[in-house]
Amino acid sequence: MQTRSFCHAIDLVDGLIRLMASADKRPVNLGNPEQITIRTSAQKIITQTASLSTTTHHPLPLDDPRQRCPDISRAAQVLRWAPTVPLDQGLAQTILWFKMQLAGT
């Protein structure tokens, strides 16, 4: 039931460009504060790819955090930045890219 947060590369690059253009020199978290369980993210991928795959559960590694969620309040305040690409849209774009690569186009 551990969670992760996923940020699309387009959003991350936008945040990095804004950070480089700013005069602020303090650390800033860039990411997506929306948490999703690993299980749910796997199910989304299985659904979007129409895969017959199933999920399995294994013990959590000792050094694996249960939750990962960036605090992007400084990015919102200093850079006027927040992620804009929803996970489902980002997954669809990523899956399409891989399909094209596998098809040789």
N, C-alpha and C. Protein backbone atom coordinates (compact mmCIF):
# COMPACT_ATOMS: atom_id res chain seq x y z
N MET A 1 0.81 -1.21 0.00
CA MET A 1 0.00 0.00 0.00
C MET A 1 0.85 1.26 0.00
N GLN A 2 2.18 1.12 -0.23
CA GLN A 2 3.01 2.31 -0.27
C GLN A 2 2.59 3.19 -1.45
N THR A 3 2.83 4.48 -1.31
CA THR A 3 2.42 5.43 -2.34
C THR A 3 3.64 6.06 -3.00
N ARG A 4 3.38 6.56 -4.18
CA ARG A 4 4.36 7.34 -4.93
C ARG A 4 3.61 8.49 -5.59
N SER A 5 4.36 9.45 -6.07
CA SER A 5 3.76 10.53 -6.85
C SER A 5 4.55 10.62 -8.14
N PHE A 6 3.83 10.77 -9.23
CA PHE A 6 4.44 10.78 -10.55
C PHE A 6 4.27 12.15 -11.19
N CYS A 7 5.35 12.66 -11.76
CA CYS A 7 5.33 13.96 -12.42
C CYS A 7 5.78 13.76 -13.86
N HIS A 8 5.00 14.26 -14.80
CA HIS A 8 5.33 14.12 -16.22
C HIS A 8 6.58 14.93 -16.53
N ALA A 9 7.39 14.43 -17.44
CA ALA A 9 8.65 15.09 -17.82
C ALA A 9 8.41 16.51 -18.32
N ILE A 10 7.33 16.75 -19.05
CA ILE A 10 7.04 18.10 -19.55
C ILE A 10 6.86 19.07 -18.38
N ASP A 11 6.15 18.63 -17.35
CA ASP A 11 5.96 19.48 -16.17
C ASP A 11 7.29 19.72 -15.45
N LEU A 12 8.08 18.68 -15.31
CA LEU A 12 9.37 18.81 -14.62
C LEU A 12 10.29 19.76 -15.37
N VAL A 13 10.37 19.63 -16.68
CA VAL A 13 11.22 20.53 -17.47
C VAL A 13 10.73 21.97 -17.34
N ASP A 14 9.42 22.18 -17.38
CA ASP A 14 8.87 23.52 -17.20
C ASP A 14 9.29 24.10 -15.85
N GLY A 15 9.21 23.29 -14.81
CA GLY A 15 9.63 23.75 -13.49
C GLY A 15 11.11 24.07 -13.42
N LEU A 16 11.93 23.25 -14.06
CA LEU A 16 13.38 23.50 -14.06
C LEU A 16 13.72 24.78 -14.82
N ILE A 17 13.05 25.02 -15.93
CA ILE A 17 13.27 26.26 -16.70
C ILE A 17 12.88 27.47 -15.86
N ARG A 18 11.75 27.39 -15.18
CA ARG A 18 11.33 28.50 -14.31
C ARG A 18 12.33 28.71 -13.18
N LEU A 19 12.85 27.63 -12.63
CA LEU A 19 13.83 27.74 -11.55
C LEU A 19 15.11 28.40 -12.05
N MET A 20 15.58 27.98 -13.22
CA MET A 20 16.80 28.59 -13.77
C MET A 20 16.61 30.07 -14.08
N ALA A 21 15.41 30.46 -14.45
CA ALA A 21 15.14 31.86 -14.79
C ALA A 21 14.89 32.72 -13.56
N SER A 22 14.69 32.09 -12.41
CA SER A 22 14.39 32.86 -11.21
C SER A 22 15.68 33.31 -10.52
N ALA A 23 15.55 34.29 -9.67
CA ALA A 23 16.69 34.77 -8.89
C ALA A 23 16.81 34.00 -7.58
N ASP A 24 15.84 33.19 -7.26
CA ASP A 24 15.84 32.45 -6.00
C ASP A 24 16.92 31.37 -6.03
N LYS A 25 17.68 31.28 -4.96
CA LYS A 25 18.79 30.31 -4.90
C LYS A 25 18.53 29.19 -3.89
N ARG A 26 17.37 29.20 -3.26
CA ARG A 26 17.07 28.17 -2.26
C ARG A 26 16.51 26.92 -2.94
N PRO A 27 16.60 25.78 -2.26
CA PRO A 27 16.06 24.54 -2.84
C PRO A 27 14.55 24.64 -3.08
N VAL A 28 14.12 23.95 -4.12
CA VAL A 28 12.71 23.92 -4.48
C VAL A 28 12.36 22.48 -4.86
N ASN A 29 11.27 21.98 -4.35
CA ASN A 29 10.79 20.65 -4.76
C ASN A 29 9.94 20.80 -6.01
N LEU A 30 10.25 19.97 -6.99
CA LEU A 30 9.41 19.87 -8.18
C LEU A 30 8.89 18.44 -8.22
N GLY A 31 7.63 18.28 -8.44
CA GLY A 31 7.03 16.97 -8.47
C GLY A 31 5.53 17.11 -8.45
N ASN A 32 4.87 16.04 -8.15
CA ASN A 32 3.42 16.04 -8.12
C ASN A 32 2.96 15.62 -6.74
N PRO A 33 2.21 16.46 -6.04
CA PRO A 33 1.79 16.12 -4.68
C PRO A 33 0.66 15.09 -4.62
N GLU A 34 0.12 14.68 -5.77
CA GLU A 34 -0.92 13.66 -5.76
C GLU A 34 -0.29 12.28 -5.56
N GLN A 35 -0.68 11.62 -4.49
CA GLN A 35 -0.14 10.30 -4.21
C GLN A 35 -1.06 9.22 -4.79
N ILE A 36 -0.45 8.14 -5.20
CA ILE A 36 -1.19 6.99 -5.72
C ILE A 36 -0.47 5.74 -5.23
N THR A 37 -1.21 4.72 -4.92
CA THR A 37 -0.55 3.50 -4.46
C THR A 37 0.14 2.82 -5.64
N ILE A 38 1.18 2.09 -5.34
CA ILE A 38 1.89 1.33 -6.37
C ILE A 38 0.91 0.38 -7.06
N ARG A 39 0.05 -0.23 -6.28
CA ARG A 39 -0.93 -1.17 -6.85
C ARG A 39 -1.85 -0.47 -7.85
N THR A 40 -2.35 0.71 -7.49
CA THR A 40 -3.23 1.45 -8.39
C THR A 40 -2.50 1.88 -9.65
N SER A 41 -1.25 2.30 -9.52
CA SER A 41 -0.50 2.69 -10.71
C SER A 41 -0.29 1.49 -11.63
N ALA A 42 -0.01 0.33 -11.06
CA ALA A 42 0.15 -0.88 -11.87
C ALA A 42 -1.16 -1.23 -12.56
N GLN A 43 -2.27 -1.11 -11.85
CA GLN A 43 -3.57 -1.42 -12.45
C GLN A 43 -3.91 -0.45 -13.59
N LYS A 44 -3.54 0.81 -13.44
CA LYS A 44 -3.76 1.78 -14.51
C LYS A 44 -2.98 1.39 -15.77
N ILE A 45 -1.75 0.97 -15.58
CA ILE A 45 -0.92 0.57 -16.72
C ILE A 45 -1.50 -0.68 -17.38
N ILE A 46 -1.90 -1.64 -16.57
CA ILE A 46 -2.50 -2.87 -17.11
C ILE A 46 -3.76 -2.53 -17.91
N THR A 47 -4.58 -1.67 -17.38
CA THR A 47 -5.83 -1.28 -18.06
C THR A 47 -5.53 -0.54 -19.37
N GLN A 48 -4.65 0.45 -19.32
CA GLN A 48 -4.37 1.26 -20.51
C GLN A 48 -3.66 0.47 -21.61
N THR A 49 -2.95 -0.57 -21.24
CA THR A 49 -2.25 -1.37 -22.25
C THR A 49 -3.05 -2.61 -22.65
N ALA A 50 -4.20 -2.79 -22.03
CA ALA A 50 -5.02 -4.00 -22.27
C ALA A 50 -4.20 -5.26 -22.03
N SER A 51 -3.34 -5.21 -21.03
CA SER A 51 -2.46 -6.33 -20.70
C SER A 51 -3.20 -7.40 -19.93
N LEU A 52 -2.72 -8.61 -20.07
CA LEU A 52 -3.26 -9.72 -19.28
C LEU A 52 -2.43 -9.94 -18.01
N SER A 53 -1.49 -9.05 -17.76
CA SER A 53 -0.62 -9.15 -16.58
C SER A 53 -1.43 -9.08 -15.30
N THR A 54 -0.85 -9.62 -14.25
CA THR A 54 -1.45 -9.52 -12.93
C THR A 54 -0.41 -8.94 -11.98
N THR A 55 -0.85 -8.50 -10.84
CA THR A 55 0.08 -7.98 -9.84
C THR A 55 0.34 -9.03 -8.78
N THR A 56 1.50 -8.95 -8.19
CA THR A 56 1.85 -9.81 -7.05
C THR A 56 2.32 -8.92 -5.92
N HIS A 57 2.26 -9.43 -4.73
CA HIS A 57 2.68 -8.66 -3.57
C HIS A 57 3.90 -9.31 -2.94
N HIS A 58 4.86 -8.48 -2.57
CA HIS A 58 6.09 -8.93 -1.93
C HIS A 58 6.31 -8.09 -0.68
N PRO A 59 7.08 -8.58 0.25
CA PRO A 59 7.36 -7.78 1.45
C PRO A 59 8.06 -6.47 1.05
N LEU A 60 7.73 -5.44 1.77
CA LEU A 60 8.32 -4.13 1.53
C LEU A 60 9.80 -4.17 1.93
N PRO A 61 10.70 -3.75 1.03
CA PRO A 61 12.12 -3.69 1.43
C PRO A 61 12.29 -2.78 2.65
N LEU A 62 13.26 -3.08 3.47
CA LEU A 62 13.47 -2.33 4.71
C LEU A 62 13.71 -0.85 4.48
N ASP A 63 14.41 -0.49 3.41
CA ASP A 63 14.75 0.91 3.18
C ASP A 63 13.77 1.64 2.26
N ASP A 64 12.65 1.01 1.94
CA ASP A 64 11.69 1.60 1.02
C ASP A 64 10.67 2.43 1.80
N PRO A 65 10.55 3.72 1.50
CA PRO A 65 9.57 4.54 2.24
C PRO A 65 8.14 4.14 1.89
N ARG A 66 7.26 4.27 2.84
CA ARG A 66 5.85 3.94 2.60
C ARG A 66 5.16 5.02 1.78
N GLN A 67 5.59 6.24 1.94
CA GLN A 67 4.98 7.34 1.20
C GLN A 67 6.06 8.24 0.62
N ARG A 68 5.77 8.75 -0.56
CA ARG A 68 6.63 9.77 -1.18
C ARG A 68 5.71 10.82 -1.75
N CYS A 69 5.83 12.01 -1.22
CA CYS A 69 4.97 13.09 -1.68
C CYS A 69 5.71 14.41 -1.50
N PRO A 70 6.08 15.06 -2.60
CA PRO A 70 6.83 16.31 -2.47
C PRO A 70 5.94 17.45 -2.00
N ASP A 71 6.51 18.33 -1.21
CA ASP A 71 5.85 19.58 -0.83
C ASP A 71 6.27 20.62 -1.88
N ILE A 72 5.35 20.98 -2.75
CA ILE A 72 5.68 21.91 -3.84
C ILE A 72 5.22 23.34 -3.55
N SER A 73 4.97 23.64 -2.28
CA SER A 73 4.47 24.98 -1.94
C SER A 73 5.46 26.09 -2.34
N ARG A 74 6.76 25.86 -2.18
CA ARG A 74 7.74 26.88 -2.60
C ARG A 74 7.73 27.05 -4.11
N ALA A 75 7.60 25.95 -4.85
CA ALA A 75 7.55 26.04 -6.32
C ALA A 75 6.32 26.84 -6.74
N ALA A 76 5.20 26.62 -6.07
CA ALA A 76 3.99 27.36 -6.40
C ALA A 76 4.16 28.84 -6.08
N GLN A 77 4.78 29.13 -4.95
CA GLN A 77 4.94 30.52 -4.51
C GLN A 77 6.02 31.26 -5.30
N VAL A 78 7.19 30.68 -5.40
CA VAL A 78 8.34 31.36 -6.01
C VAL A 78 8.31 31.29 -7.53
N LEU A 79 7.95 30.14 -8.06
CA LEU A 79 8.01 29.94 -9.52
C LEU A 79 6.64 30.03 -10.19
N ARG A 80 5.60 30.11 -9.38
CA ARG A 80 4.22 30.05 -9.91
C ARG A 80 4.06 28.79 -10.77
N TRP A 81 4.51 27.68 -10.19
CA TRP A 81 4.55 26.40 -10.92
C TRP A 81 3.74 25.35 -10.19
N ALA A 82 3.09 24.52 -10.97
CA ALA A 82 2.42 23.31 -10.48
C ALA A 82 2.31 22.36 -11.67
N PRO A 83 2.30 21.07 -11.42
CA PRO A 83 2.16 20.12 -12.53
C PRO A 83 0.79 20.26 -13.18
N THR A 84 0.76 20.01 -14.50
CA THR A 84 -0.50 20.17 -15.24
C THR A 84 -0.94 18.89 -15.95
N VAL A 85 -0.02 17.96 -16.17
CA VAL A 85 -0.36 16.75 -16.92
C VAL A 85 -0.85 15.67 -15.94
N PRO A 86 -2.12 15.29 -16.04
CA PRO A 86 -2.64 14.23 -15.16
C PRO A 86 -1.96 12.89 -15.44
N LEU A 87 -1.91 12.04 -14.43
CA LEU A 87 -1.23 10.75 -14.56
C LEU A 87 -1.79 9.94 -15.72
N ASP A 88 -3.10 9.84 -15.85
CA ASP A 88 -3.67 9.03 -16.93
C ASP A 88 -3.24 9.53 -18.31
N GLN A 89 -3.18 10.84 -18.47
CA GLN A 89 -2.73 11.41 -19.75
C GLN A 89 -1.26 11.11 -19.99
N GLY A 90 -0.44 11.28 -18.97
CA GLY A 90 0.98 10.98 -19.09
C GLY A 90 1.24 9.52 -19.40
N LEU A 91 0.48 8.63 -18.76
CA LEU A 91 0.62 7.21 -19.05
C LEU A 91 0.22 6.91 -20.49
N ALA A 92 -0.87 7.51 -20.96
CA ALA A 92 -1.31 7.28 -22.35
C ALA A 92 -0.23 7.73 -23.33
N GLN A 93 0.39 8.88 -23.08
CA GLN A 93 1.45 9.37 -23.96
C GLN A 93 2.67 8.45 -23.92
N THR A 94 3.03 7.99 -22.74
CA THR A 94 4.18 7.10 -22.59
C THR A 94 3.93 5.76 -23.26
N ILE A 95 2.75 5.21 -23.07
CA ILE A 95 2.40 3.92 -23.69
C ILE A 95 2.41 4.05 -25.20
N LEU A 96 1.86 5.15 -25.73
CA LEU A 96 1.89 5.37 -27.18
C LEU A 96 3.31 5.45 -27.70
N TRP A 97 4.19 6.14 -26.97
CA TRP A 97 5.60 6.26 -27.39
C TRP A 97 6.24 4.87 -27.46
N PHE A 98 6.02 4.05 -26.44
CA PHE A 98 6.59 2.70 -26.45
C PHE A 98 6.02 1.85 -27.58
N LYS A 99 4.72 1.97 -27.85
CA LYS A 99 4.12 1.23 -28.96
C LYS A 99 4.77 1.63 -30.28
N MET A 100 5.01 2.92 -30.47
CA MET A 100 5.65 3.40 -31.69
C MET A 100 7.08 2.88 -31.80
N GLN A 101 7.79 2.85 -30.67
CA GLN A 101 9.16 2.34 -30.69
C GLN A 101 9.19 0.86 -31.05
N LEU A 102 8.25 0.12 -30.50
CA LEU A 102 8.21 -1.32 -30.77
C LEU A 102 7.78 -1.60 -32.21
N ALA A 103 6.99 -0.69 -32.78
CA ALA A 103 6.53 -0.85 -34.17
C ALA A 103 7.58 -0.35 -35.16
N GLY A 104 8.61 0.30 -34.65
CA GLY A 104 9.68 0.79 -35.51
C GLY A 104 9.35 2.08 -36.24
N THR A 105 8.40 2.87 -35.70
CA THR A 105 8.06 4.15 -36.34
C THR A 105 8.63 5.31 -35.56
